[in-house]
N, C-alpha and C. Protein backbone atom coordinates (compact mmCIF):
# COMPACT_ATOMS: atom_id res chain seq x y z
N MET A 1 25.43 -0.49 6.77
CA MET A 1 26.65 -0.42 6.01
C MET A 1 27.83 -0.43 6.98
N ASN A 2 28.74 -1.35 6.84
CA ASN A 2 29.95 -1.37 7.63
C ASN A 2 31.05 -0.71 6.83
N HIS A 3 31.97 -0.05 7.52
CA HIS A 3 33.05 0.65 6.83
C HIS A 3 34.04 -0.35 6.28
N ASP A 4 34.35 -0.21 5.01
CA ASP A 4 35.36 -1.00 4.34
C ASP A 4 36.09 -0.04 3.40
N PRO A 5 37.37 0.22 3.65
CA PRO A 5 38.09 1.21 2.85
C PRO A 5 38.05 0.92 1.35
N SER A 6 37.82 -0.31 0.95
CA SER A 6 37.79 -0.63 -0.48
C SER A 6 36.43 -0.37 -1.13
N GLN A 7 35.40 -0.02 -0.33
CA GLN A 7 34.08 0.20 -0.90
C GLN A 7 34.09 1.42 -1.81
N SER A 8 33.35 1.31 -2.92
CA SER A 8 33.33 2.39 -3.90
C SER A 8 32.50 3.58 -3.46
N ASN A 9 31.68 3.44 -2.42
CA ASN A 9 30.87 4.57 -1.99
C ASN A 9 31.59 5.46 -0.98
N ASP A 10 32.86 5.16 -0.67
CA ASP A 10 33.63 6.06 0.19
C ASP A 10 33.86 7.35 -0.58
N VAL A 11 33.87 8.45 0.11
CA VAL A 11 34.02 9.76 -0.51
C VAL A 11 35.19 10.48 0.15
N SER A 12 36.08 11.04 -0.66
CA SER A 12 37.19 11.79 -0.09
C SER A 12 36.66 13.10 0.47
N SER A 13 37.40 13.67 1.40
CA SER A 13 36.94 14.91 2.04
C SER A 13 36.80 16.04 1.03
N GLU A 14 37.53 16.01 -0.07
CA GLU A 14 37.43 17.06 -1.07
C GLU A 14 36.12 16.97 -1.86
N ASP A 15 35.51 15.79 -1.90
CA ASP A 15 34.30 15.58 -2.71
C ASP A 15 33.00 15.80 -1.96
N ARG A 16 33.06 16.08 -0.67
CA ARG A 16 31.81 16.18 0.09
C ARG A 16 31.59 17.63 0.55
N PRO A 17 30.31 18.04 0.61
CA PRO A 17 30.00 19.41 1.02
C PRO A 17 29.97 19.60 2.54
N TRP A 18 30.10 18.55 3.30
CA TRP A 18 30.02 18.63 4.75
C TRP A 18 31.37 18.29 5.36
N ARG A 19 31.56 18.74 6.60
CA ARG A 19 32.80 18.47 7.32
C ARG A 19 32.47 18.08 8.76
N ILE A 20 33.21 17.14 9.29
CA ILE A 20 33.14 16.82 10.72
C ILE A 20 34.16 17.73 11.39
N LEU A 21 33.67 18.55 12.32
CA LEU A 21 34.51 19.58 12.95
C LEU A 21 35.11 19.14 14.28
N GLY A 22 34.56 18.06 14.85
CA GLY A 22 35.08 17.58 16.13
C GLY A 22 34.02 16.80 16.87
N ILE A 23 34.32 16.46 18.10
CA ILE A 23 33.35 15.77 18.95
C ILE A 23 32.52 16.85 19.64
N HIS A 24 31.22 16.75 19.54
CA HIS A 24 30.33 17.69 20.21
C HIS A 24 30.09 17.24 21.64
N HIS A 25 29.71 15.95 21.80
CA HIS A 25 29.52 15.41 23.15
C HIS A 25 29.55 13.89 23.11
N VAL A 26 29.74 13.32 24.28
CA VAL A 26 29.63 11.88 24.49
C VAL A 26 28.52 11.72 25.51
N ALA A 27 27.51 10.90 25.18
CA ALA A 27 26.31 10.78 26.01
C ALA A 27 26.28 9.47 26.79
N PHE A 28 25.80 9.57 28.02
CA PHE A 28 25.64 8.43 28.90
C PHE A 28 24.21 8.37 29.39
N ALA A 29 23.63 7.18 29.43
CA ALA A 29 22.24 6.99 29.88
C ALA A 29 22.23 6.41 31.29
N SER A 30 21.25 6.88 32.08
CA SER A 30 21.10 6.41 33.45
C SER A 30 19.64 6.54 33.85
N SER A 31 19.27 5.77 34.85
CA SER A 31 17.90 5.86 35.36
C SER A 31 17.82 6.75 36.59
N ASP A 32 18.97 7.28 37.04
CA ASP A 32 18.96 8.18 38.19
C ASP A 32 20.03 9.25 38.00
N GLU A 33 20.17 10.13 38.95
CA GLU A 33 21.12 11.24 38.84
C GLU A 33 22.50 10.91 39.41
N GLY A 34 22.77 9.65 39.69
CA GLY A 34 24.05 9.23 40.26
C GLY A 34 25.27 9.67 39.49
N PRO A 35 25.32 9.46 38.16
CA PRO A 35 26.52 9.86 37.42
C PRO A 35 26.80 11.36 37.50
N GLY A 36 25.76 12.17 37.41
CA GLY A 36 25.96 13.63 37.50
C GLY A 36 26.47 14.04 38.86
N ASP A 37 25.91 13.44 39.90
CA ASP A 37 26.37 13.73 41.26
C ASP A 37 27.84 13.35 41.42
N ALA A 38 28.22 12.18 40.90
CA ALA A 38 29.61 11.73 41.01
C ALA A 38 30.55 12.65 40.24
N LEU A 39 30.18 13.06 39.03
CA LEU A 39 31.03 13.96 38.25
C LEU A 39 31.22 15.29 38.98
N ALA A 40 30.16 15.78 39.61
CA ALA A 40 30.25 17.05 40.35
C ALA A 40 31.05 16.89 41.63
N ASN A 41 30.73 15.88 42.42
CA ASN A 41 31.35 15.71 43.73
C ASN A 41 32.79 15.24 43.65
N VAL A 42 33.09 14.35 42.72
CA VAL A 42 34.43 13.76 42.65
C VAL A 42 35.36 14.57 41.75
N LEU A 43 34.85 15.02 40.60
CA LEU A 43 35.71 15.71 39.63
C LEU A 43 35.49 17.22 39.56
N GLY A 44 34.46 17.71 40.22
CA GLY A 44 34.18 19.15 40.19
C GLY A 44 33.57 19.63 38.90
N LEU A 45 33.04 18.72 38.07
CA LEU A 45 32.40 19.10 36.81
C LEU A 45 30.94 19.45 37.06
N ARG A 46 30.49 20.54 36.48
CA ARG A 46 29.13 21.03 36.73
C ARG A 46 28.32 21.13 35.44
N CYS A 47 27.05 20.89 35.57
CA CYS A 47 26.10 21.03 34.46
C CYS A 47 26.02 22.49 34.05
N GLU A 48 26.16 22.73 32.74
CA GLU A 48 26.06 24.09 32.21
C GLU A 48 24.69 24.35 31.60
N HIS A 49 24.04 23.30 31.14
CA HIS A 49 22.75 23.45 30.48
C HIS A 49 21.94 22.17 30.69
N ALA A 50 20.67 22.32 31.03
CA ALA A 50 19.79 21.17 31.20
C ALA A 50 18.47 21.45 30.47
N GLU A 51 17.93 20.42 29.86
CA GLU A 51 16.64 20.50 29.17
C GLU A 51 15.87 19.22 29.40
N GLU A 52 14.57 19.36 29.51
CA GLU A 52 13.72 18.18 29.58
C GLU A 52 13.16 17.91 28.20
N ALA A 53 13.14 16.65 27.84
CA ALA A 53 12.53 16.20 26.59
C ALA A 53 11.55 15.09 26.96
N GLU A 54 10.85 14.59 25.98
CA GLU A 54 9.85 13.56 26.26
C GLU A 54 10.50 12.30 26.83
N GLY A 55 10.31 12.08 28.12
CA GLY A 55 10.80 10.87 28.78
C GLY A 55 12.20 10.93 29.34
N PHE A 56 12.90 12.06 29.19
CA PHE A 56 14.25 12.12 29.75
C PHE A 56 14.68 13.55 30.03
N LEU A 57 15.68 13.65 30.91
CA LEU A 57 16.35 14.91 31.22
C LEU A 57 17.72 14.84 30.59
N GLU A 58 18.11 15.92 29.91
CA GLU A 58 19.41 16.02 29.25
C GLU A 58 20.22 17.08 29.96
N GLU A 59 21.41 16.70 30.45
CA GLU A 59 22.29 17.65 31.12
C GLU A 59 23.63 17.68 30.38
N MET A 60 24.10 18.89 30.06
CA MET A 60 25.36 19.06 29.35
C MET A 60 26.42 19.57 30.33
N ILE A 61 27.54 18.85 30.39
CA ILE A 61 28.64 19.17 31.28
C ILE A 61 29.87 19.43 30.42
N PRO A 62 30.30 20.69 30.31
CA PRO A 62 31.44 20.99 29.45
C PRO A 62 32.74 20.40 29.98
N VAL A 63 33.52 19.85 29.04
CA VAL A 63 34.84 19.32 29.34
C VAL A 63 35.72 19.69 28.14
N GLY A 64 36.56 20.70 28.29
CA GLY A 64 37.37 21.17 27.17
C GLY A 64 36.49 21.72 26.06
N ASN A 65 36.75 21.29 24.83
CA ASN A 65 35.99 21.76 23.67
C ASN A 65 34.74 20.95 23.41
N ALA A 66 34.47 19.94 24.20
CA ALA A 66 33.31 19.07 24.02
C ALA A 66 32.53 19.03 25.33
N SER A 67 31.57 18.14 25.40
CA SER A 67 30.77 18.00 26.62
C SER A 67 30.49 16.54 26.90
N LEU A 68 30.18 16.26 28.16
CA LEU A 68 29.57 15.00 28.53
C LEU A 68 28.08 15.29 28.61
N GLN A 69 27.27 14.41 28.09
CA GLN A 69 25.82 14.58 28.15
C GLN A 69 25.26 13.44 28.98
N LEU A 70 24.52 13.81 30.02
CA LEU A 70 23.87 12.81 30.86
C LEU A 70 22.40 12.76 30.49
N LEU A 71 21.93 11.58 30.13
CA LEU A 71 20.53 11.36 29.79
C LEU A 71 19.91 10.55 30.92
N THR A 72 19.00 11.16 31.65
CA THR A 72 18.35 10.48 32.76
C THR A 72 16.91 10.21 32.40
N ALA A 73 16.54 8.93 32.40
CA ALA A 73 15.15 8.55 32.07
C ALA A 73 14.22 9.12 33.13
N THR A 74 13.15 9.79 32.67
CA THR A 74 12.15 10.34 33.58
C THR A 74 10.77 9.75 33.32
N GLY A 75 10.69 8.89 32.34
CA GLY A 75 9.43 8.26 31.96
C GLY A 75 9.67 7.38 30.75
N PRO A 76 8.59 6.85 30.17
CA PRO A 76 8.76 6.00 28.99
C PRO A 76 9.31 6.80 27.81
N GLY A 77 10.06 6.13 26.96
CA GLY A 77 10.63 6.79 25.79
C GLY A 77 11.94 6.15 25.39
N THR A 78 12.69 6.84 24.54
CA THR A 78 13.90 6.26 23.96
C THR A 78 14.97 5.92 24.99
N VAL A 79 15.17 6.78 25.98
CA VAL A 79 16.21 6.52 26.98
C VAL A 79 15.80 5.34 27.87
N ALA A 80 14.54 5.29 28.28
CA ALA A 80 14.06 4.17 29.10
C ALA A 80 14.18 2.86 28.34
N THR A 81 13.83 2.88 27.06
CA THR A 81 13.94 1.67 26.22
C THR A 81 15.39 1.24 26.11
N TYR A 82 16.29 2.19 25.91
CA TYR A 82 17.71 1.89 25.84
C TYR A 82 18.18 1.22 27.13
N LEU A 83 17.78 1.80 28.27
CA LEU A 83 18.20 1.26 29.56
C LEU A 83 17.66 -0.15 29.78
N GLU A 84 16.43 -0.42 29.35
CA GLU A 84 15.87 -1.76 29.48
C GLU A 84 16.67 -2.78 28.67
N ARG A 85 17.12 -2.38 27.50
CA ARG A 85 17.83 -3.30 26.60
C ARG A 85 19.31 -3.46 26.95
N ARG A 86 19.95 -2.35 27.33
CA ARG A 86 21.41 -2.37 27.47
C ARG A 86 21.93 -1.99 28.85
N GLY A 87 21.07 -1.38 29.68
CA GLY A 87 21.53 -0.94 30.99
C GLY A 87 22.21 0.41 30.91
N PRO A 88 22.60 0.96 32.06
CA PRO A 88 23.23 2.28 32.07
C PRO A 88 24.62 2.24 31.45
N GLY A 89 25.03 3.37 30.91
CA GLY A 89 26.37 3.47 30.34
C GLY A 89 26.39 4.32 29.09
N LEU A 90 27.43 4.13 28.29
CA LEU A 90 27.61 4.90 27.06
C LEU A 90 26.39 4.75 26.16
N HIS A 91 25.82 5.86 25.74
CA HIS A 91 24.63 5.86 24.88
C HIS A 91 25.01 6.18 23.43
N HIS A 92 25.70 7.30 23.20
CA HIS A 92 26.10 7.65 21.84
C HIS A 92 27.24 8.65 21.84
N VAL A 93 27.84 8.81 20.66
CA VAL A 93 28.87 9.82 20.43
C VAL A 93 28.29 10.79 19.41
N ALA A 94 28.40 12.09 19.71
CA ALA A 94 27.88 13.12 18.82
C ALA A 94 29.04 13.86 18.16
N LEU A 95 28.98 13.94 16.84
CA LEU A 95 30.00 14.64 16.07
C LEU A 95 29.47 15.99 15.63
N LEU A 96 30.25 17.02 15.81
CA LEU A 96 29.90 18.35 15.36
C LEU A 96 30.17 18.44 13.86
N VAL A 97 29.16 18.87 13.09
CA VAL A 97 29.30 19.00 11.64
C VAL A 97 28.94 20.41 11.21
N ASN A 98 29.43 20.80 10.04
CA ASN A 98 29.13 22.13 9.53
C ASN A 98 27.77 22.20 8.86
N ASP A 99 27.22 21.05 8.38
CA ASP A 99 25.97 21.07 7.64
C ASP A 99 25.26 19.73 7.82
N VAL A 100 24.34 19.67 8.79
CA VAL A 100 23.65 18.42 9.10
C VAL A 100 22.73 17.99 7.95
N ASP A 101 22.18 18.94 7.20
CA ASP A 101 21.35 18.58 6.04
C ASP A 101 22.19 17.86 4.99
N ALA A 102 23.37 18.40 4.72
CA ALA A 102 24.23 17.81 3.69
C ALA A 102 24.73 16.43 4.09
N ILE A 103 25.16 16.26 5.34
CA ILE A 103 25.67 14.94 5.75
C ILE A 103 24.55 13.91 5.75
N THR A 104 23.36 14.30 6.21
CA THR A 104 22.23 13.37 6.24
C THR A 104 21.86 12.95 4.83
N SER A 105 21.75 13.90 3.94
CA SER A 105 21.41 13.61 2.55
C SER A 105 22.46 12.72 1.89
N ASP A 106 23.74 13.05 2.10
CA ASP A 106 24.83 12.28 1.51
C ASP A 106 24.86 10.85 2.04
N LEU A 107 24.73 10.68 3.36
CA LEU A 107 24.77 9.33 3.92
C LEU A 107 23.57 8.50 3.46
N CYS A 108 22.39 9.10 3.41
CA CYS A 108 21.20 8.38 2.91
C CYS A 108 21.42 7.95 1.46
N ALA A 109 21.96 8.85 0.64
CA ALA A 109 22.19 8.55 -0.78
C ALA A 109 23.20 7.41 -0.96
N ARG A 110 24.11 7.28 0.00
CA ARG A 110 25.12 6.21 -0.08
C ARG A 110 24.69 4.95 0.64
N GLY A 111 23.41 4.90 1.07
CA GLY A 111 22.87 3.67 1.66
C GLY A 111 23.17 3.46 3.12
N VAL A 112 23.64 4.50 3.82
CA VAL A 112 23.90 4.38 5.25
C VAL A 112 22.55 4.36 5.97
N ASP A 113 22.38 3.41 6.86
CA ASP A 113 21.12 3.26 7.61
C ASP A 113 21.01 4.39 8.63
N MET A 114 20.05 5.27 8.43
CA MET A 114 19.87 6.43 9.30
C MET A 114 18.61 6.30 10.13
N VAL A 115 18.67 6.68 11.40
CA VAL A 115 17.49 6.79 12.24
C VAL A 115 16.68 7.98 11.77
N ASP A 116 17.38 9.08 11.50
CA ASP A 116 16.75 10.32 11.02
C ASP A 116 17.17 10.55 9.58
N ARG A 117 16.22 10.39 8.66
CA ARG A 117 16.50 10.66 7.25
C ARG A 117 16.42 12.16 6.95
N VAL A 118 15.82 12.90 7.88
CA VAL A 118 15.71 14.36 7.81
C VAL A 118 16.12 14.90 9.18
N PRO A 119 17.03 15.87 9.23
CA PRO A 119 17.44 16.43 10.53
C PRO A 119 16.26 17.00 11.29
N ARG A 120 16.43 17.04 12.63
CA ARG A 120 15.36 17.54 13.51
C ARG A 120 15.97 18.44 14.56
N PRO A 121 15.13 19.21 15.27
CA PRO A 121 15.66 20.06 16.34
C PRO A 121 16.26 19.23 17.46
N GLY A 122 17.37 19.71 17.99
CA GLY A 122 18.02 19.08 19.14
C GLY A 122 18.03 20.06 20.30
N GLY A 123 18.74 19.72 21.35
CA GLY A 123 18.82 20.58 22.52
C GLY A 123 19.63 21.83 22.26
N ALA A 124 19.35 22.86 23.02
CA ALA A 124 20.09 24.12 23.00
C ALA A 124 20.14 24.75 21.61
N GLY A 125 19.08 24.57 20.83
CA GLY A 125 18.99 25.21 19.52
C GLY A 125 19.77 24.53 18.41
N THR A 126 20.25 23.32 18.64
CA THR A 126 21.00 22.60 17.61
C THR A 126 20.03 21.90 16.66
N ARG A 127 20.59 21.40 15.55
CA ARG A 127 19.86 20.51 14.64
C ARG A 127 20.65 19.22 14.60
N ILE A 128 19.94 18.09 14.64
CA ILE A 128 20.60 16.80 14.80
C ILE A 128 20.03 15.74 13.85
N ALA A 129 20.81 14.70 13.65
CA ALA A 129 20.37 13.49 12.94
C ALA A 129 21.21 12.33 13.48
N PHE A 130 20.55 11.19 13.68
CA PHE A 130 21.24 10.00 14.17
C PHE A 130 21.40 8.98 13.05
N ALA A 131 22.56 8.34 13.03
CA ALA A 131 22.79 7.17 12.18
C ALA A 131 22.51 5.94 13.03
N HIS A 132 21.93 4.92 12.41
CA HIS A 132 21.61 3.70 13.14
C HIS A 132 22.89 2.99 13.57
N PRO A 133 22.89 2.38 14.75
CA PRO A 133 24.09 1.68 15.21
C PRO A 133 24.62 0.62 14.23
N ARG A 134 23.74 -0.03 13.48
CA ARG A 134 24.25 -1.06 12.56
C ARG A 134 25.05 -0.45 11.40
N ALA A 135 24.96 0.86 11.20
CA ALA A 135 25.73 1.52 10.15
C ALA A 135 27.19 1.72 10.54
N PHE A 136 27.46 1.74 11.85
CA PHE A 136 28.82 2.02 12.33
C PHE A 136 29.25 1.00 13.38
N GLY A 137 29.10 -0.26 13.08
CA GLY A 137 29.62 -1.32 13.93
C GLY A 137 29.06 -1.36 15.33
N GLY A 138 27.81 -0.96 15.51
CA GLY A 138 27.17 -1.01 16.82
C GLY A 138 27.18 0.30 17.58
N MET A 139 27.83 1.34 17.03
CA MET A 139 27.88 2.65 17.70
C MET A 139 26.73 3.52 17.21
N LEU A 140 25.99 4.11 18.13
CA LEU A 140 24.99 5.10 17.79
C LEU A 140 25.72 6.43 17.61
N ILE A 141 25.63 7.00 16.41
CA ILE A 141 26.32 8.24 16.09
C ILE A 141 25.28 9.33 15.84
N GLU A 142 25.49 10.47 16.49
CA GLU A 142 24.64 11.64 16.29
C GLU A 142 25.46 12.70 15.55
N PHE A 143 24.85 13.36 14.59
CA PHE A 143 25.47 14.47 13.91
C PHE A 143 24.80 15.74 14.39
N VAL A 144 25.57 16.73 14.83
CA VAL A 144 25.04 17.94 15.45
C VAL A 144 25.54 19.16 14.68
N GLU A 145 24.60 20.05 14.33
CA GLU A 145 24.95 21.34 13.77
C GLU A 145 24.48 22.40 14.75
N GLU A 146 25.42 23.24 15.20
CA GLU A 146 25.05 24.31 16.11
C GLU A 146 24.48 25.48 15.32
N SER A 147 23.58 26.25 15.97
CA SER A 147 22.98 27.38 15.27
C SER A 147 23.93 28.56 15.27
């Protein structure tokens, strides 16, 4: 689904049970630790939280009210596949929401192509759901609810 303001499935903010509260993080994919080293050495930004997941390392670097997330491929999986197809760089934008169940259910009901039709556990105790890039003009969007 591409956004078109004239579409009848648009919903005003008063009609929906969920809210987008801000940007949670912007994620970048890489096959090595170069970007993290550069952010630390050049800008003085440091990793606050790191977690390993299947096939990748996730590092969160706080910047103001949001974070930069570095995804480093450590084996086969989603990050490695992304790197093979698109190369290193911007991976996705994550939006902080008040209710990931509600937004996922609402978007699915309105025909938005979702990677996750049911939210799942994310890093640092969050719950997440991804919308497919074709739903938002080629952008991979993640919805994040903090615990």
